[in-house]
Amino acid sequence: MGEEVIYPNGDRATYLDLTFACTYVSGEARPVDGENTQVGWFELDALPPLRPSSTFRLQRALEYAGVTWFAPAPGDA
């Protein structure tokens, strides 16, 4: 879980990043919650720039060996 973020309007949030290894079956990726503006599928060699902690979580998901991992990624609070 990341550090608490305090926005200029006083709102406070703490974010939890989850990473899953999934297999595309069908359908079109689209934002549905009103907060996201873009969503998409990417080949591994065409990913947009990621934070080091996101890259670490992605590597862990791709190396999944049947054991769920709950520790923070390096760089996460």
C-alpha atoms as a PDB file:
ATOM      1  CA  MET A   1       0.000   0.000   0.000  1.00  0.00           C
ATOM      2  CA  GLY A   2       1.295   3.430  -0.865  1.00  0.00           C
ATOM      3  CA  GLU A   3       1.737   6.469   1.308  1.00  0.00           C
ATOM      4  CA  GLU A   4      -1.226   8.687   2.093  1.00  0.00           C
ATOM      5  CA  VAL A   5      -1.863  11.381  -0.523  1.00  0.00           C
ATOM      6  CA  ILE A   6      -3.448  14.671   0.524  1.00  0.00           C
ATOM      7  CA  TYR A   7      -5.023  16.628  -2.330  1.00  0.00           C
ATOM      8  CA  PRO A   8      -5.294  20.457  -2.473  1.00  0.00           C
ATOM      9  CA  ASN A   9      -9.018  20.259  -1.607  1.00  0.00           C
ATOM     10  CA  GLY A  10      -8.214  18.331   1.595  1.00  0.00           C
ATOM     11  CA  ASP A  11      -9.258  14.902   0.305  1.00  0.00           C
ATOM     12  CA  ARG A  12      -7.031  12.119   1.614  1.00  0.00           C
ATOM     13  CA  ALA A  13      -6.408   8.774  -0.060  1.00  0.00           C
ATOM     14  CA  THR A  14      -4.196   5.724   0.242  1.00  0.00           C
ATOM     15  CA  TYR A  15      -3.900   3.539  -2.838  1.00  0.00           C
ATOM     16  CA  LEU A  16      -3.494  -0.203  -3.015  1.00  0.00           C
ATOM     17  CA  ASP A  17      -1.985  -1.568  -6.230  1.00  0.00           C
ATOM     18  CA  LEU A  18      -2.979  -5.113  -7.189  1.00  0.00           C
ATOM     19  CA  THR A  19      -1.486  -7.058 -10.068  1.00  0.00           C
ATOM     20  CA  PHE A  20      -3.011 -10.173 -11.608  1.00  0.00           C
ATOM     21  CA  ALA A  21      -1.870 -12.477 -14.383  1.00  0.00           C
ATOM     22  CA  CYS A  22      -4.893 -12.891 -16.673  1.00  0.00           C
ATOM     23  CA  THR A  23      -5.740 -14.357 -20.036  1.00  0.00           C
ATOM     24  CA  TYR A  24      -7.786 -12.332 -22.532  1.00  0.00           C
ATOM     25  CA  VAL A  25     -10.907 -14.230 -23.585  1.00  0.00           C
ATOM     26  CA  SER A  26     -13.082 -11.705 -25.413  1.00  0.00           C
ATOM     27  CA  GLY A  27     -14.543  -8.217 -25.366  1.00  0.00           C
ATOM     28  CA  GLU A  28     -13.286  -4.691 -25.685  1.00  0.00           C
ATOM     29  CA  ALA A  29     -11.388  -2.907 -22.913  1.00  0.00           C
ATOM     30  CA  ARG A  30     -13.211   0.263 -21.826  1.00  0.00           C
ATOM     31  CA  PRO A  31     -13.289   2.526 -18.746  1.00  0.00           C
ATOM     32  CA  VAL A  32     -16.483   2.006 -16.759  1.00  0.00           C
ATOM     33  CA  ASP A  33     -16.114   3.826 -13.436  1.00  0.00           C
ATOM     34  CA  GLY A  34     -16.249   7.483 -14.499  1.00  0.00           C
ATOM     35  CA  GLU A  35     -12.757   8.225 -13.124  1.00  0.00           C
ATOM     36  CA  ASN A  36     -10.603   6.514 -15.743  1.00  0.00           C
ATOM     37  CA  THR A  37     -10.348   8.044 -19.184  1.00  0.00           C
ATOM     38  CA  GLN A  38      -8.378   5.313 -20.964  1.00  0.00           C
ATOM     39  CA  VAL A  39      -7.846   1.579 -20.722  1.00  0.00           C
ATOM     40  CA  GLY A  40      -6.176  -0.856 -23.073  1.00  0.00           C
ATOM     41  CA  TRP A  41      -4.442  -4.155 -23.719  1.00  0.00           C
ATOM     42  CA  PHE A  42      -0.686  -4.073 -24.302  1.00  0.00           C
ATOM     43  CA  GLU A  43       1.877  -6.559 -25.496  1.00  0.00           C
ATOM     44  CA  LEU A  44       4.644  -6.913 -22.895  1.00  0.00           C
ATOM     45  CA  ASP A  45       7.174  -5.271 -25.189  1.00  0.00           C
ATOM     46  CA  ALA A  46       4.822  -2.316 -25.845  1.00  0.00           C
ATOM     47  CA  LEU A  47       3.818  -1.313 -22.309  1.00  0.00           C
ATOM     48  CA  PRO A  48       3.652   2.403 -21.505  1.00  0.00           C
ATOM     49  CA  PRO A  49       6.231   3.755 -19.014  1.00  0.00           C
ATOM     50  CA  LEU A  50       5.713   2.208 -15.565  1.00  0.00           C
ATOM     51  CA  ARG A  51       6.947   3.071 -12.101  1.00  0.00           C
ATOM     52  CA  PRO A  52       9.640   0.677 -10.821  1.00  0.00           C
ATOM     53  CA  SER A  53       7.224  -0.758  -8.237  1.00  0.00           C
ATOM     54  CA  SER A  54       4.680  -1.490 -10.997  1.00  0.00           C
ATOM     55  CA  THR A  55       7.347  -3.199 -13.106  1.00  0.00           C
ATOM     56  CA  PHE A  56       8.331  -5.294 -10.087  1.00  0.00           C
ATOM     57  CA  ARG A  57       4.705  -6.382  -9.461  1.00  0.00           C
ATOM     58  CA  LEU A  58       4.264  -7.214 -13.142  1.00  0.00           C
ATOM     59  CA  GLN A  59       7.389  -9.392 -13.082  1.00  0.00           C
ATOM     60  CA  ARG A  60       6.108 -11.195  -9.967  1.00  0.00           C
ATOM     61  CA  ALA A  61       2.741 -11.847 -11.620  1.00  0.00           C
ATOM     62  CA  LEU A  62       4.418 -13.230 -14.753  1.00  0.00           C
ATOM     63  CA  GLU A  63       6.606 -15.515 -12.627  1.00  0.00           C
ATOM     64  CA  TYR A  64       3.602 -16.821 -10.653  1.00  0.00           C
ATOM     65  CA  ALA A  65       4.455 -20.237  -9.217  1.00  0.00           C
ATOM     66  CA  GLY A  66       1.210 -21.043  -7.412  1.00  0.00           C
ATOM     67  CA  VAL A  67       1.852 -18.950  -4.303  1.00  0.00           C
ATOM     68  CA  THR A  68       0.081 -15.644  -3.709  1.00  0.00           C
ATOM     69  CA  TRP A  69       2.405 -12.813  -2.688  1.00  0.00           C
ATOM     70  CA  PHE A  70       1.285  -9.974  -0.383  1.00  0.00           C
ATOM     71  CA  ALA A  71       4.475  -8.022   0.423  1.00  0.00           C
ATOM     72  CA  PRO A  72       4.940  -4.420  -0.752  1.00  0.00           C
ATOM     73  CA  ALA A  73       6.975  -3.885  -3.883  1.00  0.00           C
ATOM     74  CA  PRO A  74      10.306  -2.073  -3.479  1.00  0.00           C
ATOM     75  CA  GLY A  75       9.585   1.644  -3.457  1.00  0.00           C
ATOM     76  CA  ASP A  76       6.099   1.230  -1.974  1.00  0.00           C
ATOM     77  CA  ALA A  77       5.528   2.499   1.536  1.00  0.00           C
END
